[in-house]
Each structure stands twice: as C-alpha cells, then as structure tokens.
Amino acid sequence: MLTSSAPALALTRLQSGIGTLIMQARCADDVGDLRLGCAYELRSGETSAVQRGDGTALAPRGSAHPVIVARSGRYDQISVDLRQCGEVERLIVYGYSEQGVVLSWGGALVVTTAGGARIEVPLGGAPSCGVRVILSLYNVRGEFVLRSEMETVDGSVRDACLAYGFDRITWLDGRTPLS
C-alpha cells in the first residue's frame, strides 16, 4: 500500500517488463461518476492523454500495438503493455467526474502486475469536484517507480496535467486532448 508515510515503490525489472500493468479505480457507486485518465510522455517525446470517455483511449494514437489503453467495465482501468515498457518515459493517472459533479472520494486505485503483485493507493479524502492526480509513474533505467500523489487540482484535466509538467499537450477544451 502506498501511503503518505511510504509514498513510493520501485517495481523490479521483471515486474516492469513482463505482461501488463493494470490500474483500476475500485470504489463504491456512491463515490460518483469517477473516471480514470492518464497523461503520458513516451521516449519518442510524444505526449498526450488517454481516457475512455472522450474516445482517446489508445496511446500512441492510431497504433496497431498501443502502449497504454483506457478501458471501462465494472471499474475504469488504465493498462500499460509492459512488452513496450521502454517506450514509456513517465505518466500520471488522474481521477475526474465526467459530468463535472462533486466526487465523494473512497475506495482505492489498485495496481496489479502480471505476476499478481498488488499495490493499493487509497482514494479517501474530502469530497471535491476538481481533478485528483492519484499516481505518477517514472521509468528509471528500465524500472518503473510508482508514487502516490493524491493531489486535488482545482479546475480541469488540462489544469492537472499542466500542474505535473505535461505542457506539450494541445487541448480542444479543458478535458479533451487534441488527437
């Protein structure tokens, strides 16, 4: 579990390079319409965001073999194809309300490796209508370092991405990246 007293964890090379890294927001329905998104930077320099709600669910765009995929189901999910882990420079996972309503934060972001290791980031906190940056991931010499961020940014998805240095993304509006 990533907490304020132990906010970071380095995955091993094996955990960082085999299978799929899955990040799911597991929470009760009374949290609200919580959606997950992910801003990313690839080694090629390409930056953008994926989130299933607006049709930008694959990264890189138009790829036959996407590195990052946003999916929905019982819980919103972001998946990273670890066969292509060398392509990922960094990313953040954020939660937001698709309808722009107040979210009653609760539950956890559950990160699962191909080997079954499970890392939890509690999603508790005061209700808010901002965007919460939940987790950051950095590629450090071939190993992924995960860090619990749990910072609520007042404003839009664009504002949250800018707060974390994703300033090369072009936006159609406050939530939709230009594809």
C-alpha atoms as a PDB file:
ATOM      1  CA  MET A   1       0.000   0.000   0.000  1.00  0.00           C
ATOM      2  CA  LEU A   2       1.293   3.442  -0.903  1.00  0.00           C
ATOM      3  CA  THR A   3       0.614   5.910   1.911  1.00  0.00           C
ATOM      4  CA  SER A   4       1.753   9.374   2.911  1.00  0.00           C
ATOM      5  CA  SER A   5       4.494   7.825   5.087  1.00  0.00           C
ATOM      6  CA  ALA A   6       5.568   5.385   2.326  1.00  0.00           C
ATOM      7  CA  PRO A   7       4.504   7.092  -0.936  1.00  0.00           C
ATOM      8  CA  ALA A   8       6.880   5.445  -3.431  1.00  0.00           C
ATOM      9  CA  LEU A   9       7.724   1.960  -4.628  1.00  0.00           C
ATOM     10  CA  ALA A  10      10.111   0.701  -7.314  1.00  0.00           C
ATOM     11  CA  LEU A  11       8.999  -2.307  -9.334  1.00  0.00           C
ATOM     12  CA  THR A  12      11.674  -4.833 -10.225  1.00  0.00           C
ATOM     13  CA  ARG A  13      12.876  -5.157 -13.830  1.00  0.00           C
ATOM     14  CA  LEU A  14      10.728  -8.278 -14.128  1.00  0.00           C
ATOM     15  CA  GLN A  15       7.615  -6.521 -12.784  1.00  0.00           C
ATOM     16  CA  SER A  16       8.358  -3.546 -15.058  1.00  0.00           C
ATOM     17  CA  GLY A  17       8.860  -5.564 -18.239  1.00  0.00           C
ATOM     18  CA  ILE A  18       6.544  -8.570 -18.422  1.00  0.00           C
ATOM     19  CA  GLY A  19       2.833  -8.670 -19.168  1.00  0.00           C
ATOM     20  CA  THR A  20       0.501  -5.797 -18.433  1.00  0.00           C
ATOM     21  CA  LEU A  21       0.411  -3.284 -15.598  1.00  0.00           C
ATOM     22  CA  ILE A  22      -3.268  -2.725 -14.770  1.00  0.00           C
ATOM     23  CA  MET A  23      -4.537   0.245 -12.749  1.00  0.00           C
ATOM     24  CA  GLN A  24      -8.191   0.142 -11.665  1.00  0.00           C
ATOM     25  CA  ALA A  25     -10.268   2.571  -9.585  1.00  0.00           C
ATOM     26  CA  ARG A  26     -12.157   0.218  -7.275  1.00  0.00           C
ATOM     27  CA  CYS A  27     -14.801   2.125  -5.404  1.00  0.00           C
ATOM     28  CA  ALA A  28     -18.467   2.008  -4.430  1.00  0.00           C
ATOM     29  CA  ASP A  29     -21.147   3.579  -6.610  1.00  0.00           C
ATOM     30  CA  ASP A  30     -21.776   6.338  -4.047  1.00  0.00           C
ATOM     31  CA  VAL A  31     -18.373   7.870  -4.919  1.00  0.00           C
ATOM     32  CA  GLY A  32     -19.990   9.261  -8.064  1.00  0.00           C
ATOM     33  CA  ASP A  33     -19.114   9.046 -11.758  1.00  0.00           C
ATOM     34  CA  LEU A  34     -15.373   8.598 -11.150  1.00  0.00           C
ATOM     35  CA  ARG A  35     -13.415   8.186 -14.377  1.00  0.00           C
ATOM     36  CA  LEU A  36      -9.719   7.498 -14.822  1.00  0.00           C
ATOM     37  CA  GLY A  37      -7.417   9.175 -17.269  1.00  0.00           C
ATOM     38  CA  CYS A  38      -3.702   9.099 -17.922  1.00  0.00           C
ATOM     39  CA  ALA A  39      -1.339  11.781 -19.199  1.00  0.00           C
ATOM     40  CA  TYR A  40       1.821  10.284 -20.665  1.00  0.00           C
ATOM     41  CA  GLU A  41       5.162  11.049 -22.221  1.00  0.00           C
ATOM     42  CA  LEU A  42       6.791   8.448 -24.446  1.00  0.00           C
ATOM     43  CA  ARG A  43      10.547   8.156 -25.118  1.00  0.00           C
ATOM     44  CA  SER A  44       9.858   9.487 -28.610  1.00  0.00           C
ATOM     45  CA  GLY A  45       8.737  12.752 -26.999  1.00  0.00           C
ATOM     46  CA  GLU A  46       5.065  12.237 -27.824  1.00  0.00           C
ATOM     47  CA  THR A  47       2.787  13.446 -25.047  1.00  0.00           C
ATOM     48  CA  SER A  48      -0.964  13.321 -24.713  1.00  0.00           C
ATOM     49  CA  ALA A  49      -3.701  11.880 -22.530  1.00  0.00           C
ATOM     50  CA  VAL A  50      -5.947   8.839 -22.706  1.00  0.00           C
ATOM     51  CA  GLN A  51      -9.359   8.485 -21.138  1.00  0.00           C
ATOM     52  CA  ARG A  52     -12.127   6.302 -22.377  1.00  0.00           C
ATOM     53  CA  GLY A  53     -14.904   8.908 -22.010  1.00  0.00           C
ATOM     54  CA  ASP A  54     -13.886  11.095 -24.937  1.00  0.00           C
ATOM     55  CA  GLY A  55     -12.689   8.496 -27.436  1.00  0.00           C
ATOM     56  CA  THR A  56      -8.953   8.965 -26.800  1.00  0.00           C
ATOM     57  CA  ALA A  57      -8.494   5.509 -25.321  1.00  0.00           C
ATOM     58  CA  LEU A  58      -5.232   4.416 -27.010  1.00  0.00           C
ATOM     59  CA  ALA A  59      -1.655   5.655 -26.906  1.00  0.00           C
ATOM     60  CA  PRO A  60       0.028   6.298 -29.186  1.00  0.00           C
ATOM     61  CA  ARG A  61      -2.929   7.339 -31.299  1.00  0.00           C
ATOM     62  CA  GLY A  62      -3.654   5.090 -34.253  1.00  0.00           C
ATOM     63  CA  SER A  63      -1.118   2.468 -33.182  1.00  0.00           C
ATOM     64  CA  ALA A  64      -1.727  -1.177 -34.067  1.00  0.00           C
ATOM     65  CA  HIS A  65       0.098  -2.026 -30.822  1.00  0.00           C
ATOM     66  CA  PRO A  66      -0.866   0.596 -28.223  1.00  0.00           C
ATOM     67  CA  VAL A  67       1.367   1.090 -25.186  1.00  0.00           C
ATOM     68  CA  ILE A  68      -1.432   2.492 -22.998  1.00  0.00           C
ATOM     69  CA  VAL A  69      -5.144   1.643 -23.139  1.00  0.00           C
ATOM     70  CA  ALA A  70      -8.064   3.143 -21.191  1.00  0.00           C
ATOM     71  CA  ARG A  71     -10.981   0.737 -20.685  1.00  0.00           C
ATOM     72  CA  SER A  72     -14.270   0.704 -18.887  1.00  0.00           C
ATOM     73  CA  GLY A  73     -16.162  -2.077 -17.216  1.00  0.00           C
ATOM     74  CA  ARG A  74     -17.204  -2.522 -13.609  1.00  0.00           C
ATOM     75  CA  TYR A  75     -14.244  -0.223 -12.817  1.00  0.00           C
ATOM     76  CA  ASP A  76     -12.401   2.218 -15.061  1.00  0.00           C
ATOM     77  CA  GLN A  77      -8.976   0.874 -15.965  1.00  0.00           C
ATOM     78  CA  ILE A  78      -5.672   2.047 -17.459  1.00  0.00           C
ATOM     79  CA  SER A  79      -3.380  -0.686 -18.844  1.00  0.00           C
ATOM     80  CA  VAL A  80       0.284  -0.388 -19.816  1.00  0.00           C
ATOM     81  CA  ASP A  81       1.698  -3.021 -22.183  1.00  0.00           C
ATOM     82  CA  LEU A  82       4.966  -3.905 -20.493  1.00  0.00           C
ATOM     83  CA  ARG A  83       6.390  -5.556 -23.618  1.00  0.00           C
ATOM     84  CA  GLN A  84       6.793  -1.931 -24.691  1.00  0.00           C
ATOM     85  CA  CYS A  85       7.882  -0.585 -21.293  1.00  0.00           C
ATOM     86  CA  GLY A  86      10.938   1.061 -22.811  1.00  0.00           C
ATOM     87  CA  GLU A  87       8.608   3.400 -24.699  1.00  0.00           C
ATOM     88  CA  VAL A  88       7.177   4.930 -21.504  1.00  0.00           C
ATOM     89  CA  GLU A  89       9.112   7.853 -20.024  1.00  0.00           C
ATOM     90  CA  ARG A  90       6.528   8.904 -17.432  1.00  0.00           C
ATOM     91  CA  LEU A  91       2.806   9.126 -16.790  1.00  0.00           C
ATOM     92  CA  ILE A  92       0.228  10.237 -14.265  1.00  0.00           C
ATOM     93  CA  VAL A  93      -3.105   8.615 -13.512  1.00  0.00           C
ATOM     94  CA  TYR A  94      -5.876  11.021 -12.567  1.00  0.00           C
ATOM     95  CA  GLY A  95      -9.487  10.731 -11.489  1.00  0.00           C
ATOM     96  CA  TYR A  96     -12.237  13.127 -12.506  1.00  0.00           C
ATOM     97  CA  SER A  97     -16.006  13.376 -12.840  1.00  0.00           C
ATOM     98  CA  GLU A  98     -17.120  13.078 -16.436  1.00  0.00           C
ATOM     99  CA  GLN A  99     -20.201  15.151 -15.564  1.00  0.00           C
ATOM    100  CA  GLY A 100     -18.240  17.709 -13.517  1.00  0.00           C
ATOM    101  CA  VAL A 101     -20.008  16.876 -10.246  1.00  0.00           C
ATOM    102  CA  VAL A 102     -18.566  16.545  -6.738  1.00  0.00           C
ATOM    103  CA  LEU A 103     -16.958  13.147  -6.111  1.00  0.00           C
ATOM    104  CA  SER A 104     -17.173  11.577  -2.634  1.00  0.00           C
ATOM    105  CA  TRP A 105     -13.711  10.028  -2.706  1.00  0.00           C
ATOM    106  CA  GLY A 106     -13.332   6.494  -1.393  1.00  0.00           C
ATOM    107  CA  GLY A 107     -12.036   3.076  -2.398  1.00  0.00           C
ATOM    108  CA  ALA A 108      -8.592   2.537  -3.889  1.00  0.00           C
ATOM    109  CA  LEU A 109      -6.591   2.653  -7.067  1.00  0.00           C
ATOM    110  CA  VAL A 110      -5.389  -0.935  -7.380  1.00  0.00           C
ATOM    111  CA  VAL A 111      -2.252  -1.551  -9.449  1.00  0.00           C
ATOM    112  CA  THR A 112      -1.664  -5.166 -10.476  1.00  0.00           C
ATOM    113  CA  THR A 113       1.434  -6.635 -12.161  1.00  0.00           C
ATOM    114  CA  ALA A 114       1.473  -9.680 -14.446  1.00  0.00           C
ATOM    115  CA  GLY A 115       2.948 -11.734 -11.591  1.00  0.00           C
ATOM    116  CA  GLY A 116      -0.017 -10.885  -9.366  1.00  0.00           C
ATOM    117  CA  ALA A 117       1.666  -8.294  -7.143  1.00  0.00           C
ATOM    118  CA  ARG A 118      -0.940  -5.802  -5.969  1.00  0.00           C
ATOM    119  CA  ILE A 119      -0.299  -2.214  -4.904  1.00  0.00           C
ATOM    120  CA  GLU A 120      -3.111  -0.111  -3.428  1.00  0.00           C
ATOM    121  CA  VAL A 121      -3.400   3.660  -3.289  1.00  0.00           C
ATOM    122  CA  PRO A 122      -6.289   4.708  -1.004  1.00  0.00           C
ATOM    123  CA  LEU A 123      -8.663   7.191  -2.665  1.00  0.00           C
ATOM    124  CA  GLY A 124     -10.067   8.696   0.535  1.00  0.00           C
ATOM    125  CA  GLY A 125     -10.329  12.392   1.141  1.00  0.00           C
ATOM    126  CA  ALA A 126     -12.733  15.259   1.244  1.00  0.00           C
ATOM    127  CA  PRO A 127     -15.406  15.454  -1.466  1.00  0.00           C
ATOM    128  CA  SER A 128     -14.307  17.637  -4.379  1.00  0.00           C
ATOM    129  CA  CYS A 129     -15.173  18.498  -7.948  1.00  0.00           C
ATOM    130  CA  GLY A 130     -11.580  19.024  -9.078  1.00  0.00           C
ATOM    131  CA  VAL A 131      -9.271  16.524 -10.746  1.00  0.00           C
ATOM    132  CA  ARG A 132      -7.255  14.307  -8.430  1.00  0.00           C
ATOM    133  CA  VAL A 133      -3.813  13.196  -9.576  1.00  0.00           C
ATOM    134  CA  ILE A 134      -3.654   9.783  -7.928  1.00  0.00           C
ATOM    135  CA  LEU A 135      -0.404   8.193  -9.059  1.00  0.00           C
ATOM    136  CA  SER A 136       2.728   9.021 -11.009  1.00  0.00           C
ATOM    137  CA  LEU A 137       4.963   6.508 -12.772  1.00  0.00           C
ATOM    138  CA  TYR A 138       8.535   7.163 -13.928  1.00  0.00           C
ATOM    139  CA  ASN A 139      10.825   4.915 -15.938  1.00  0.00           C
ATOM    140  CA  VAL A 140      14.163   4.949 -14.096  1.00  0.00           C
ATOM    141  CA  ARG A 141      16.766   2.922 -16.003  1.00  0.00           C
ATOM    142  CA  GLY A 142      14.209   0.309 -17.084  1.00  0.00           C
ATOM    143  CA  GLU A 143      12.370   0.011 -13.777  1.00  0.00           C
ATOM    144  CA  PHE A 144       9.075   1.722 -13.018  1.00  0.00           C
ATOM    145  CA  VAL A 145       8.866   3.834  -9.893  1.00  0.00           C
ATOM    146  CA  LEU A 146       5.315   4.412  -8.647  1.00  0.00           C
ATOM    147  CA  ARG A 147       4.444   7.328  -6.399  1.00  0.00           C
ATOM    148  CA  SER A 148       1.177   8.102  -4.640  1.00  0.00           C
ATOM    149  CA  GLU A 149       0.369  11.736  -5.407  1.00  0.00           C
ATOM    150  CA  MET A 150      -3.215  12.183  -4.129  1.00  0.00           C
ATOM    151  CA  GLU A 151      -3.279  15.864  -5.023  1.00  0.00           C
ATOM    152  CA  THR A 152      -6.546  17.517  -5.981  1.00  0.00           C
ATOM    153  CA  VAL A 153      -6.160  20.249  -8.587  1.00  0.00           C
ATOM    154  CA  ASP A 154      -8.988  22.739  -8.799  1.00  0.00           C
ATOM    155  CA  GLY A 155     -10.001  23.086 -12.395  1.00  0.00           C
ATOM    156  CA  SER A 156      -9.918  20.834 -15.426  1.00  0.00           C
ATOM    157  CA  VAL A 157      -7.993  17.777 -16.577  1.00  0.00           C
ATOM    158  CA  ARG A 158      -5.821  20.180 -18.591  1.00  0.00           C
ATOM    159  CA  ASP A 159      -5.008  22.122 -15.385  1.00  0.00           C
ATOM    160  CA  ALA A 160      -3.999  18.905 -13.569  1.00  0.00           C
ATOM    161  CA  CYS A 161      -1.755  17.834 -16.459  1.00  0.00           C
ATOM    162  CA  LEU A 162      -0.110  21.256 -16.572  1.00  0.00           C
ATOM    163  CA  ALA A 163       0.495  21.102 -12.801  1.00  0.00           C
ATOM    164  CA  TYR A 164       2.526  17.922 -13.392  1.00  0.00           C
ATOM    165  CA  GLY A 165       4.610  19.279 -16.264  1.00  0.00           C
ATOM    166  CA  PHE A 166       2.627  17.924 -19.212  1.00  0.00           C
ATOM    167  CA  ASP A 167       2.759  21.263 -21.004  1.00  0.00           C
ATOM    168  CA  ARG A 168       3.267  19.953 -24.546  1.00  0.00           C
ATOM    169  CA  ILE A 169      -0.276  18.568 -24.849  1.00  0.00           C
ATOM    170  CA  THR A 170      -2.598  20.558 -27.101  1.00  0.00           C
ATOM    171  CA  TRP A 171      -6.195  20.627 -25.823  1.00  0.00           C
ATOM    172  CA  LEU A 172      -9.522  21.058 -27.608  1.00  0.00           C
ATOM    173  CA  ASP A 173     -11.093  22.061 -24.289  1.00  0.00           C
ATOM    174  CA  GLY A 174     -10.376  21.591 -20.567  1.00  0.00           C
ATOM    175  CA  ARG A 175     -10.763  17.820 -20.771  1.00  0.00           C
ATOM    176  CA  THR A 176     -10.149  16.698 -24.358  1.00  0.00           C
ATOM    177  CA  PRO A 177      -6.628  16.395 -25.798  1.00  0.00           C
ATOM    178  CA  LEU A 178      -6.178  17.087 -29.493  1.00  0.00           C
ATOM    179  CA  SER A 179      -5.658  13.761 -31.237  1.00  0.00           C
END
